[in-house]
């Protein structure tokens, strides 16, 4: 059997090969990135279809992010075993199975499993394409190649929510999962022709299976414990045992990685202060970014009463602006202080969601779109600068491990951020509902007058007195719930803003550390 190496394909197709393999890989990556954002606009519909709350619905986002992190750490091992072509085709196949399962899911458990399949295959496929494009271009053109890759990754979230909203409007929420299937089919056909392959290895590549198991147990215990805390009680034996197992496995993972010769995550990198600061920024910012991507569409649909299509259109201007800002910010990070750009971007991102906490049912469409543009402008400055800031701190021999570590931490931050923000949202909703309900008594003149007006309206419809009273009380309960929900979302947006500002602390500390004091040199005699 013949195997097409990169050199064989380059000789066969000439200079055009680098663009052919880029197109093949980018179409697949676009389908994977689309799935991260299109699903969020379908959350309210999924909750209604299966009768579930936010605690279960958020797993569509957090499970995807967590298993994507697991796929990232297995990417090198799977690629070494199967070769680039077979690995990418397998990732597309698993991703497509997840898409079909998600669109046909009979219950929420199957739907979450589908997102697990999609997240893991995305974690394997996306880094493979980035590395392949990087190697296909000569050194002097790799900057352009990475710009193309970055632009594609940014463009997909810009159009994803709008496509998802359009599918829901025209068909149903299930078609949100089917959007990616045509892209996967095209990517598979092109990849089978233009991606390189290699012979099967004579022995299995080395892999840190112990570290991988400990990471999965740690992630699973902590995430499941946090997700179920509001429902089962934060001090319940079940919640505490899950969190305890997760914390113990996480500590064991760190100890294991310090001792194993080929670690899954080289934790020694964090002995470098600048890289450790970059890791903290990546975690907090990843939490705020992915958490806000989930909470924002749910807010505008459940509180502001936007349709799924309007929800998608609202974030499109911010995404398109980000596609323009991204390459400009990359060039700026070469000339300006990356830590300073990160700090400025964090302030913008935080300000956007602090402003979002004032939005309500009367807030105009373009006002909300403008608020999202402010936060996404900050995101555009942060991402390129954070990559430069983290990798500049490392010697050349550690750059590859450092890039993988930062992306992994950012993804883990996103997984935990979504769970924590949803748990916070549910906690604050219960708090506000209890507080507002306590004020609804006979001494509350405003409530009594409102109930009387509702009863008068219902009397004109010919309803009996008992029915009028029950309907009026029911309407009051709906108003209390809606107000409690709006206040809880406002608190959550402030929480997102605050978590973003936490990332500002290591950024400012790093800025001060980077100041270099030039010693005075005594004049020559």
Protein backbone atom coordinates (compact mmCIF):
# COMPACT_ATOMS: atom_id res chain seq x y z
CA UNK A 1 0.00 0.00 0.00
CA UNK A 2 1.32 3.46 -0.88
CA UNK A 3 1.33 6.31 1.62
CA UNK A 4 1.20 9.96 0.66
CA UNK A 5 3.59 11.99 2.79
CA UNK A 6 3.57 15.78 2.81
CA UNK A 7 6.54 15.78 0.42
CA UNK A 8 4.72 13.42 -1.97
CA UNK A 9 1.64 15.65 -2.05
CA UNK A 10 3.74 18.80 -2.44
CA UNK A 11 5.51 17.24 -5.43
CA UNK A 12 2.21 16.09 -6.95
CA UNK A 13 0.21 19.32 -6.62
CA UNK A 14 2.97 21.92 -6.46
CA UNK A 15 2.66 25.16 -4.46
CA UNK A 16 -1.14 24.93 -4.65
CA UNK A 17 -1.07 21.96 -2.26
CA UNK A 18 -0.60 24.13 0.82
CA UNK A 19 -3.84 25.96 0.04
CA UNK A 20 -5.69 22.77 -0.87
CA UNK A 21 -4.84 21.15 2.46
CA UNK A 22 -5.68 24.41 4.25
CA UNK A 23 -9.14 24.51 2.66
CA UNK A 24 -9.75 20.85 3.48
CA UNK A 25 -8.79 21.30 7.11
CA UNK A 26 -10.51 24.66 7.60
CA UNK A 27 -13.88 23.41 6.33
CA UNK A 28 -13.74 20.68 8.97
CA UNK A 29 -12.68 23.12 11.68
CA UNK A 30 -15.49 25.51 10.70
CA UNK A 31 -18.04 22.73 11.18
CA UNK A 32 -16.62 21.96 14.63
CA UNK A 33 -16.47 25.59 15.76
CA UNK A 34 -19.98 26.20 14.46
CA UNK A 35 -21.29 23.52 16.78
CA UNK A 36 -19.86 25.32 19.81
CA UNK A 37 -22.01 28.41 19.23
CA UNK A 38 -25.10 27.33 17.29
CA UNK A 39 -26.35 25.11 20.10
CA UNK A 40 -26.49 27.95 22.65
CA UNK A 41 -29.40 29.67 20.88
CA UNK A 42 -31.37 26.41 21.15
CA UNK A 43 -31.07 26.09 24.95
CA UNK A 44 -34.55 27.47 25.81
CA UNK A 45 -36.17 25.20 23.19
CA UNK A 46 -34.29 22.15 24.47
CA UNK A 47 -35.33 22.96 28.04
CA UNK A 48 -38.95 23.15 26.93
CA UNK A 49 -38.77 19.97 24.82
CA UNK A 50 -37.33 17.79 27.61
CA UNK A 51 -38.70 19.65 30.65
CA UNK A 52 -35.26 20.26 32.18
CA UNK A 53 -33.69 23.16 34.06
CA UNK A 54 -30.54 25.16 33.54
CA UNK A 55 -28.51 22.70 35.63
CA UNK A 56 -28.92 20.02 32.95
CA UNK A 57 -29.17 22.23 29.89
CA UNK A 58 -25.77 23.79 30.55
CA UNK A 59 -24.12 20.39 30.03
CA UNK A 60 -24.59 20.92 26.29
CA UNK A 61 -21.89 23.60 26.57
CA UNK A 62 -19.76 22.51 29.53
CA UNK A 63 -19.55 18.83 28.50
CA UNK A 64 -18.44 19.91 25.03
CA UNK A 65 -15.71 22.15 26.51
CA UNK A 66 -14.45 19.56 29.01
CA UNK A 67 -14.25 16.68 26.53
CA UNK A 68 -12.65 19.02 24.00
CA UNK A 69 -9.87 19.54 26.55
CA UNK A 70 -9.53 15.75 26.85
CA UNK A 71 -9.32 15.46 23.07
CA UNK A 72 -6.61 18.12 22.94
CA UNK A 73 -4.30 16.18 25.25
CA UNK A 74 -4.82 13.00 23.17
CA UNK A 75 -4.27 14.73 19.83
CA UNK A 76 -0.52 14.06 19.55
CA UNK A 77 -0.89 10.40 20.57
CA UNK A 78 -3.76 9.68 18.17
CA UNK A 79 -1.96 11.48 15.31
CA UNK A 80 1.19 9.49 15.97
CA UNK A 81 -0.80 6.26 15.90
CA UNK A 82 -3.09 6.87 12.91
CA UNK A 83 -1.36 9.63 10.95
CA UNK A 84 -2.89 13.00 10.08
CA UNK A 85 -5.33 11.84 7.38
CA UNK A 86 -6.83 8.91 9.26
CA UNK A 87 -6.98 10.91 12.50
CA UNK A 88 -8.85 13.80 10.90
CA UNK A 89 -11.25 11.50 9.02
CA UNK A 90 -11.95 9.61 12.26
CA UNK A 91 -12.54 12.91 14.11
CA UNK A 92 -14.99 14.03 11.40
CA UNK A 93 -16.78 10.68 11.56
CA UNK A 94 -17.17 10.77 15.36
CA UNK A 95 -18.26 14.40 15.19
CA UNK A 96 -20.89 13.56 12.58
CA UNK A 97 -22.22 10.68 14.69
CA UNK A 98 -22.55 13.16 17.56
CA UNK A 99 -24.42 15.58 15.30
CA UNK A 100 -26.90 12.91 14.21
CA UNK A 101 -27.40 11.68 17.79
CA UNK A 102 -27.95 15.24 19.01
CA UNK A 103 -30.51 15.99 16.34
CA UNK A 104 -32.42 12.75 17.00
CA UNK A 105 -31.97 12.63 20.79
CA UNK A 106 -35.05 11.23 22.59
CA UNK A 107 -33.95 12.68 25.96
CA UNK A 108 -31.37 14.96 27.53
CA UNK A 109 -28.96 12.14 28.42
CA UNK A 110 -28.53 11.13 24.79
CA UNK A 111 -28.16 14.79 23.87
CA UNK A 112 -25.36 15.32 26.41
CA UNK A 113 -23.61 12.13 25.19
CA UNK A 114 -23.80 13.52 21.66
CA UNK A 115 -22.10 16.72 22.84
CA UNK A 116 -19.39 14.62 24.51
CA UNK A 117 -18.66 12.93 21.17
CA UNK A 118 -18.58 16.28 19.39
CA UNK A 119 -16.37 17.92 21.99
CA UNK A 120 -13.81 15.11 22.07
CA UNK A 121 -13.53 14.88 18.28
CA UNK A 122 -13.17 18.68 18.06
CA UNK A 123 -10.35 18.56 20.58
CA UNK A 124 -8.53 16.00 18.44
CA UNK A 125 -9.24 17.64 15.08
CA UNK A 126 -8.66 21.36 15.61
CA UNK A 127 -5.03 21.26 16.89
CA UNK A 128 -4.18 18.75 14.14
CA UNK A 129 -5.35 21.16 11.42
CA UNK A 130 -3.51 24.10 12.98
CA UNK A 131 -0.24 22.14 13.16
CA UNK A 132 -0.69 20.78 9.63
CA UNK A 133 -1.28 24.25 8.14
CA UNK A 134 1.73 25.59 10.06
CA UNK A 135 3.98 22.87 8.61
CA UNK A 136 2.59 23.16 5.06
CA UNK A 137 3.75 26.76 4.64
CA UNK A 138 7.35 27.96 4.53
CA UNK A 139 8.62 29.86 7.61
CA UNK A 140 8.27 33.27 5.96
CA UNK A 141 4.55 32.66 5.25
CA UNK A 142 3.48 30.92 8.44
CA UNK A 143 2.21 34.15 9.95
CA UNK A 144 -0.23 34.47 7.05
CA UNK A 145 -1.24 30.83 7.45
CA UNK A 146 -1.99 31.27 11.16
CA UNK A 147 -3.93 34.43 10.33
CA UNK A 148 -6.12 32.44 7.93
CA UNK A 149 -6.66 29.78 10.57
CA UNK A 150 -7.49 32.38 13.23
CA UNK A 151 -9.86 34.23 10.91
CA UNK A 152 -11.75 31.02 10.17
CA UNK A 153 -12.04 30.15 13.85
CA UNK A 154 -13.35 33.67 14.60
CA UNK A 155 -15.73 33.83 11.61
CA UNK A 156 -17.60 30.64 12.51
CA UNK A 157 -18.91 31.95 15.88
CA UNK A 158 -19.97 35.16 14.10
CA UNK A 159 -22.42 33.34 11.82
CA UNK A 160 -23.12 30.28 13.99
CA UNK A 161 -25.83 31.71 16.28
CA UNK A 162 -27.61 33.29 13.30
CA UNK A 163 -27.61 29.99 11.39
CA UNK A 164 -28.84 28.21 14.50
CA UNK A 165 -31.62 30.73 15.01
CA UNK A 166 -32.63 30.42 11.36
CA UNK A 167 -32.86 26.62 11.63
CA UNK A 168 -35.06 26.92 14.73
CA UNK A 169 -37.32 29.49 13.06
CA UNK A 170 -37.72 27.45 9.85
CA UNK A 171 -37.69 23.91 11.25
CA UNK A 172 -36.92 23.05 14.90
CA UNK A 173 -34.06 23.05 17.40
CA UNK A 174 -33.01 19.59 16.20
CA UNK A 175 -31.79 20.99 12.88
CA UNK A 176 -29.19 23.06 14.77
CA UNK A 177 -27.19 19.85 15.08
CA UNK A 178 -27.56 18.94 11.41
CA UNK A 179 -26.00 22.20 10.13
CA UNK A 180 -22.48 20.80 10.42
CA UNK A 181 -23.09 17.58 8.46
CA UNK A 182 -22.65 18.99 4.90
CA UNK A 183 -19.42 20.71 5.96
CA UNK A 184 -18.13 17.47 7.48
CA UNK A 185 -18.88 15.55 4.28
CA UNK A 186 -17.04 18.10 2.10
CA UNK A 187 -14.09 18.21 4.51
CA UNK A 188 -13.86 14.42 4.57
CA UNK A 189 -13.80 14.20 0.76
CA UNK A 190 -11.08 16.85 0.41
CA UNK A 191 -9.03 15.49 3.33
CA UNK A 192 -8.98 12.00 1.85
CA UNK A 193 -7.20 13.49 -1.18
CA UNK A 194 -5.03 16.30 0.13
CA UNK A 195 -4.04 15.38 3.68
CA UNK A 196 -0.81 13.44 4.23
CA UNK A 197 -0.70 10.02 5.80
CA UNK A 198 1.97 7.64 7.06
CA UNK A 199 2.53 3.90 7.61
CA UNK A 200 1.17 2.30 10.77
CA UNK A 201 3.74 2.48 13.57
CA UNK A 202 5.47 -0.74 14.59
CA UNK A 203 4.79 0.00 18.26
CA UNK A 204 2.29 2.10 20.13
CA UNK A 205 3.43 5.67 20.89
CA UNK A 206 3.94 6.46 24.57
CA UNK A 207 1.05 8.10 26.35
CA UNK A 208 0.45 9.15 29.95
CA UNK A 209 -2.60 7.00 30.58
CA UNK A 210 -2.34 7.40 34.35
CA UNK A 211 -2.42 11.18 34.06
CA UNK A 212 -5.30 11.01 31.58
CA UNK A 213 -7.44 8.87 33.91
CA UNK A 214 -6.71 11.13 36.88
CA UNK A 215 -7.56 14.23 34.83
CA UNK A 216 -10.89 12.73 33.71
CA UNK A 217 -11.81 11.65 37.25
CA UNK A 218 -10.85 15.06 38.63
CA UNK A 219 -12.79 16.96 35.97
CA UNK A 220 -15.80 14.66 36.26
CA UNK A 221 -15.99 14.82 40.05
CA UNK A 222 -15.64 18.60 40.27
CA UNK A 223 -17.97 19.40 37.36
CA UNK A 224 -20.74 16.98 38.36
CA UNK A 225 -20.50 18.13 41.97
CA UNK A 226 -20.77 21.80 41.03
CA UNK A 227 -23.56 21.20 38.52
CA UNK A 228 -25.71 19.28 41.00
CA UNK A 229 -25.01 21.42 44.06
CA UNK A 230 -28.07 23.65 43.73
CA UNK A 231 -30.43 20.74 43.09
CA UNK A 232 -29.09 18.27 45.67
CA UNK A 233 -27.83 20.78 48.26
CA UNK A 234 -24.32 22.21 48.56
CA UNK A 235 -23.73 20.48 51.89
CA UNK A 236 -25.32 17.15 50.96
CA UNK A 237 -23.25 13.98 51.22
CA UNK A 238 -23.60 13.39 47.47
CA UNK A 239 -22.29 16.83 46.50
CA UNK A 240 -19.46 16.81 49.03
CA UNK A 241 -18.35 13.30 48.04
CA UNK A 242 -18.26 14.23 44.35
CA UNK A 243 -16.29 17.39 45.03
CA UNK A 244 -13.98 15.48 47.37
CA UNK A 245 -13.22 12.79 44.79
CA UNK A 246 -12.65 15.45 42.13
CA UNK A 247 -10.30 17.49 44.35
CA UNK A 248 -8.34 14.39 45.42
CA UNK A 249 -7.94 13.24 41.82
CA UNK A 250 -6.81 16.72 40.76
CA UNK A 251 -4.13 16.81 43.47
CA UNK A 252 -3.05 13.29 42.52
CA UNK A 253 -2.87 14.41 38.88
CA UNK A 254 -0.45 17.24 39.72
CA UNK A 255 1.75 14.92 41.83
CA UNK A 256 1.69 12.28 39.07
CA UNK A 257 2.64 14.77 36.36
CA UNK A 258 5.66 15.90 38.41
CA UNK A 259 6.98 12.33 38.55
CA UNK A 260 6.09 10.77 35.18
CA UNK A 261 8.83 11.03 32.49
CA UNK A 262 6.38 11.95 29.66
CA UNK A 263 3.71 14.09 31.34
CA UNK A 264 0.33 14.83 29.86
CA UNK A 265 0.66 18.41 31.13
CA UNK A 266 4.12 19.66 32.06
CA UNK A 267 3.24 21.43 35.31
CA UNK A 268 6.87 22.49 35.70
CA UNK A 269 6.15 25.16 33.10
CA UNK A 270 4.25 27.05 35.77
CA UNK A 271 7.45 27.60 37.73
CA UNK A 272 7.98 30.40 35.20
CA UNK A 273 6.19 33.38 36.77
CA UNK A 274 5.15 35.00 33.52
CA UNK A 275 3.79 31.73 32.15
CA UNK A 276 1.97 31.07 35.44
CA UNK A 277 0.39 34.53 35.16
CA UNK A 278 -0.64 33.73 31.59
CA UNK A 279 -2.22 30.48 32.81
CA UNK A 280 -4.26 32.32 35.44
CA UNK A 281 -5.41 34.85 32.86
CA UNK A 282 -6.32 32.06 30.43
CA UNK A 283 -8.41 30.23 33.06
CA UNK A 284 -10.38 33.26 34.29
CA UNK A 285 -10.86 34.66 30.82
CA UNK A 286 -11.88 31.27 29.42
CA UNK A 287 -14.48 30.99 32.17
CA UNK A 288 -15.88 34.45 31.44
CA UNK A 289 -15.80 34.02 27.66
CA UNK A 290 -17.50 30.62 27.37
CA UNK A 291 -19.82 31.29 30.28
CA UNK A 292 -21.03 34.53 28.71
CA UNK A 293 -21.49 32.79 25.35
CA UNK A 294 -23.96 30.46 27.08
CA UNK A 295 -25.71 32.92 29.41
CA UNK A 296 -26.15 35.76 26.89
CA UNK A 297 -28.43 34.00 24.35
CA UNK A 298 -30.48 32.42 27.14
CA UNK A 299 -31.02 35.86 28.73
CA UNK A 300 -32.21 37.61 25.58
CA UNK A 301 -34.63 34.79 24.79
CA UNK A 302 -36.10 34.23 28.26
CA UNK A 303 -36.06 37.79 29.66
CA UNK A 304 -36.01 40.16 26.66
CA UNK A 305 -38.26 37.75 24.67
CA UNK A 306 -36.13 37.66 21.51
CA UNK A 307 -36.71 34.85 19.05
CA UNK A 308 -33.78 32.47 18.45
CA UNK A 309 -33.12 34.20 15.11
CA UNK A 310 -33.04 37.65 16.72
CA UNK A 311 -30.72 36.23 19.39
CA UNK A 312 -28.32 35.06 16.69
CA UNK A 313 -28.54 38.30 14.71
CA UNK A 314 -27.80 40.27 17.87
CA UNK A 315 -24.31 38.75 18.25
CA UNK A 316 -23.47 38.76 14.51
CA UNK A 317 -22.20 42.41 14.37
CA UNK A 318 -19.85 41.67 17.27
CA UNK A 319 -18.55 38.53 15.54
CA UNK A 320 -17.97 40.29 12.23
CA UNK A 321 -16.19 43.14 14.02
CA UNK A 322 -14.02 40.58 15.78
CA UNK A 323 -13.01 39.09 12.42
CA UNK A 324 -11.69 42.54 11.45
CA UNK A 325 -10.05 43.30 14.81
CA UNK A 326 -8.31 39.93 15.17
CA UNK A 327 -5.54 40.38 12.56
CA UNK A 328 -5.03 44.02 13.58
CA UNK A 329 -4.63 43.01 17.22
CA UNK A 330 -2.10 40.35 16.18
CA UNK A 331 0.10 42.99 14.56
CA UNK A 332 -0.35 45.30 17.56
CA UNK A 333 0.83 42.58 19.94
CA UNK A 334 4.16 42.51 18.06
CA UNK A 335 4.71 46.24 18.72
CA UNK A 336 3.00 46.93 22.04
CA UNK A 337 3.26 45.29 25.45
CA UNK A 338 1.16 42.08 25.35
CA UNK A 339 0.41 42.43 29.07
CA UNK A 340 -0.86 45.98 28.51
CA UNK A 341 -3.09 44.82 25.63
CA UNK A 342 -4.44 42.02 27.79
CA UNK A 343 -5.26 44.44 30.61
CA UNK A 344 -7.04 46.83 28.23
CA UNK A 345 -9.00 43.99 26.64
CA UNK A 346 -10.07 42.63 30.03
CA UNK A 347 -11.36 46.07 31.05
CA UNK A 348 -13.42 46.31 27.84
CA UNK A 349 -14.79 42.79 28.23
CA UNK A 350 -15.69 43.43 31.86
CA UNK A 351 -17.30 46.79 31.05
CA UNK A 352 -19.49 45.17 28.40
CA UNK A 353 -21.02 42.69 30.83
CA UNK A 354 -21.27 45.21 33.65
CA UNK A 355 -23.40 47.27 31.24
CA UNK A 356 -25.38 44.14 30.32
CA UNK A 357 -26.54 43.94 33.95
CA UNK A 358 -28.77 46.98 33.28
CA UNK A 359 -30.61 45.38 30.34
CA UNK A 360 -34.27 44.43 30.67
CA UNK A 361 -37.32 43.63 28.54
CA UNK A 362 -37.42 47.22 27.24
CA UNK A 363 -33.79 47.30 26.05
CA UNK A 364 -33.57 47.86 22.28
CA UNK A 365 -32.04 45.33 19.90
CA UNK A 366 -29.20 47.59 18.74
CA UNK A 367 -28.40 48.59 22.32
CA UNK A 368 -27.84 44.94 23.20
CA UNK A 369 -25.86 44.40 19.99
CA UNK A 370 -23.66 47.39 20.90
CA UNK A 371 -23.02 46.01 24.39
CA UNK A 372 -21.91 42.70 22.91
CA UNK A 373 -19.63 44.55 20.51
CA UNK A 374 -17.87 46.23 23.45
CA UNK A 375 -17.14 42.89 25.10
CA UNK A 376 -16.05 41.25 21.86
CA UNK A 377 -13.74 44.17 21.12
CA UNK A 378 -11.98 43.32 24.37
CA UNK A 379 -11.83 39.65 23.35
CA UNK A 380 -10.14 40.65 20.08
CA UNK A 381 -7.31 42.35 21.96
CA UNK A 382 -6.91 39.59 24.55
CA UNK A 383 -6.55 36.43 22.46
CA UNK A 384 -3.53 37.31 20.25
CA UNK A 385 -1.77 39.16 23.07
CA UNK A 386 -2.29 36.25 25.49
CA UNK A 387 -0.70 33.79 23.06
CA UNK A 388 2.31 36.07 22.59
CA UNK A 389 2.56 36.85 26.32
CA UNK A 390 2.54 33.19 27.36
CA UNK A 391 4.93 31.85 24.72
CA UNK A 392 7.44 34.70 24.95
CA UNK A 393 8.10 33.62 28.52
CA UNK A 394 9.39 30.19 27.46
CA UNK A 395 12.54 28.97 25.74
CA UNK A 396 12.14 27.60 22.22
CA UNK A 397 12.29 24.00 23.44
CA UNK A 398 9.16 24.50 25.58
CA UNK A 399 7.02 26.59 23.20
CA UNK A 400 5.03 23.63 21.87
CA UNK A 401 4.19 22.32 25.35
CA UNK A 402 3.38 25.85 26.49
CA UNK A 403 0.95 26.48 23.63
CA UNK A 404 -0.89 23.25 24.39
CA UNK A 405 -0.98 24.00 28.11
CA UNK A 406 -2.46 27.50 27.67
CA UNK A 407 -5.15 26.27 25.28
CA UNK A 408 -5.98 23.40 27.65
CA UNK A 409 -6.30 25.73 30.65
CA UNK A 410 -8.47 28.18 28.70
CA UNK A 411 -10.77 25.31 27.68
CA UNK A 412 -10.98 24.02 31.25
CA UNK A 413 -11.77 27.52 32.45
CA UNK A 414 -14.62 27.65 29.95
CA UNK A 415 -16.02 24.31 31.14
CA UNK A 416 -15.95 25.29 34.80
CA UNK A 417 -17.11 28.83 34.06
CA UNK A 418 -20.31 27.67 32.38
CA UNK A 419 -21.17 25.35 35.29
CA UNK A 420 -20.36 27.94 37.97
CA UNK A 421 -22.28 30.76 36.30
CA UNK A 422 -25.35 28.59 35.80
CA UNK A 423 -25.16 27.42 39.44
CA UNK A 424 -24.84 31.05 40.52
CA UNK A 425 -27.79 32.00 38.29
CA UNK A 426 -30.03 29.34 39.84
CA UNK A 427 -28.95 30.27 43.38
CA UNK A 428 -29.68 33.97 42.82
CA UNK A 429 -33.00 33.16 41.14
CA UNK A 430 -34.12 31.22 44.21
CA UNK A 431 -32.90 34.03 46.46
CA UNK A 432 -34.76 36.77 44.57
CA UNK A 433 -37.92 34.67 44.23
CA UNK A 434 -38.00 34.09 47.99
CA UNK A 435 -37.32 37.76 48.73
CA UNK A 436 -39.99 39.01 46.33
CA UNK A 437 -42.55 36.45 47.48
CA UNK A 438 -42.07 37.56 51.09
CA UNK A 439 -43.28 41.05 50.15
CA UNK A 440 -46.55 39.79 48.62
CA UNK A 441 -48.88 39.96 51.65
CA UNK A 442 -52.07 41.81 52.56
CA UNK A 443 -50.05 44.81 53.73
CA UNK A 444 -48.65 45.33 50.22
CA UNK A 445 -51.09 47.89 48.80
CA UNK A 446 -49.58 47.82 45.28
CA UNK A 447 -50.04 44.07 44.96
CA UNK A 448 -53.58 44.25 46.32
CA UNK A 449 -54.51 46.94 43.81
CA UNK A 450 -53.02 44.94 40.95
CA UNK A 451 -54.91 41.80 41.98
CA UNK A 452 -58.12 43.82 42.17
CA UNK A 453 -57.61 45.23 38.63
CA UNK A 454 -56.95 41.75 37.25
CA UNK A 455 -60.09 40.42 38.97
CA UNK A 456 -62.16 43.21 37.42
CA UNK A 457 -60.86 42.36 33.95
CA UNK A 458 -61.65 38.68 34.48
CA UNK A 459 -65.14 39.54 35.77
CA UNK A 460 -65.92 41.08 32.38
CA UNK A 461 -65.09 37.71 30.84
CA UNK A 462 -67.80 36.08 32.96
CA UNK A 463 -65.50 34.00 35.23
CA UNK A 464 -66.61 33.02 38.71
CA UNK A 465 -65.15 34.73 41.77
CA UNK A 466 -63.07 31.69 42.78
CA UNK A 467 -61.65 31.37 39.28
CA UNK A 468 -60.93 35.11 39.11
CA UNK A 469 -59.01 34.97 42.37
CA UNK A 470 -56.98 31.89 41.33
CA UNK A 471 -56.09 33.42 37.96
CA UNK A 472 -55.05 36.71 39.58
CA UNK A 473 -52.78 34.92 42.07
CA UNK A 474 -51.32 32.84 39.24
CA UNK A 475 -50.54 36.00 37.25
CA UNK A 476 -48.87 37.56 40.28
CA UNK A 477 -46.72 34.42 40.67
CA UNK A 478 -45.64 34.64 37.03
CA UNK A 479 -44.67 38.29 37.51
CA UNK A 480 -42.63 37.46 40.61
CA UNK A 481 -40.86 34.64 38.74
CA UNK A 482 -40.08 36.88 35.75
CA UNK A 483 -38.70 39.62 38.00
CA UNK A 484 -36.62 37.13 40.00
CA UNK A 485 -35.25 35.68 36.77
CA UNK A 486 -34.28 39.12 35.42
CA UNK A 487 -32.55 40.08 38.68
CA UNK A 488 -30.68 36.75 38.75
CA UNK A 489 -29.38 37.31 35.21
CA UNK A 490 -28.26 40.82 36.20
CA UNK A 491 -26.33 39.37 39.12
CA UNK A 492 -24.78 36.76 36.83
CA UNK A 493 -23.60 39.39 34.34
CA UNK A 494 -21.98 41.28 37.21
CA UNK A 495 -20.37 38.00 38.28
CA UNK A 496 -18.98 37.49 34.76
CA UNK A 497 -17.64 41.05 34.86
CA UNK A 498 -16.01 40.40 38.24
CA UNK A 499 -14.38 37.12 37.16
CA UNK A 500 -12.94 38.93 34.15
CA UNK A 501 -11.43 41.55 36.46
CA UNK A 502 -9.82 38.74 38.49
CA UNK A 503 -7.73 38.00 35.40
CA UNK A 504 -6.62 41.64 35.52
CA UNK A 505 -4.63 41.00 38.71
CA UNK A 506 -1.98 38.66 37.18
CA UNK A 507 -1.93 40.83 34.03
CA UNK A 508 -1.06 43.97 36.01
CA UNK A 509 1.45 42.08 38.16
CA UNK A 510 3.12 40.78 35.00
CA UNK A 511 3.19 44.32 33.57
CA UNK A 512 5.09 45.56 36.59
CA UNK A 513 7.51 42.63 36.50
CA UNK A 514 8.32 43.29 32.85
CA UNK A 515 9.65 46.76 33.63
CA UNK A 516 13.38 46.58 33.23
CA UNK A 517 15.63 48.81 35.30
CA UNK A 518 18.72 49.75 33.29
CA UNK A 519 21.74 50.11 35.61
CA UNK A 520 23.73 53.26 35.38
CA UNK A 521 27.14 52.81 33.83
CA UNK A 522 29.99 54.85 35.23
CA UNK A 523 31.62 57.07 32.60
CA UNK A 524 34.96 55.90 31.29
CA UNK A 525 37.93 57.74 32.73
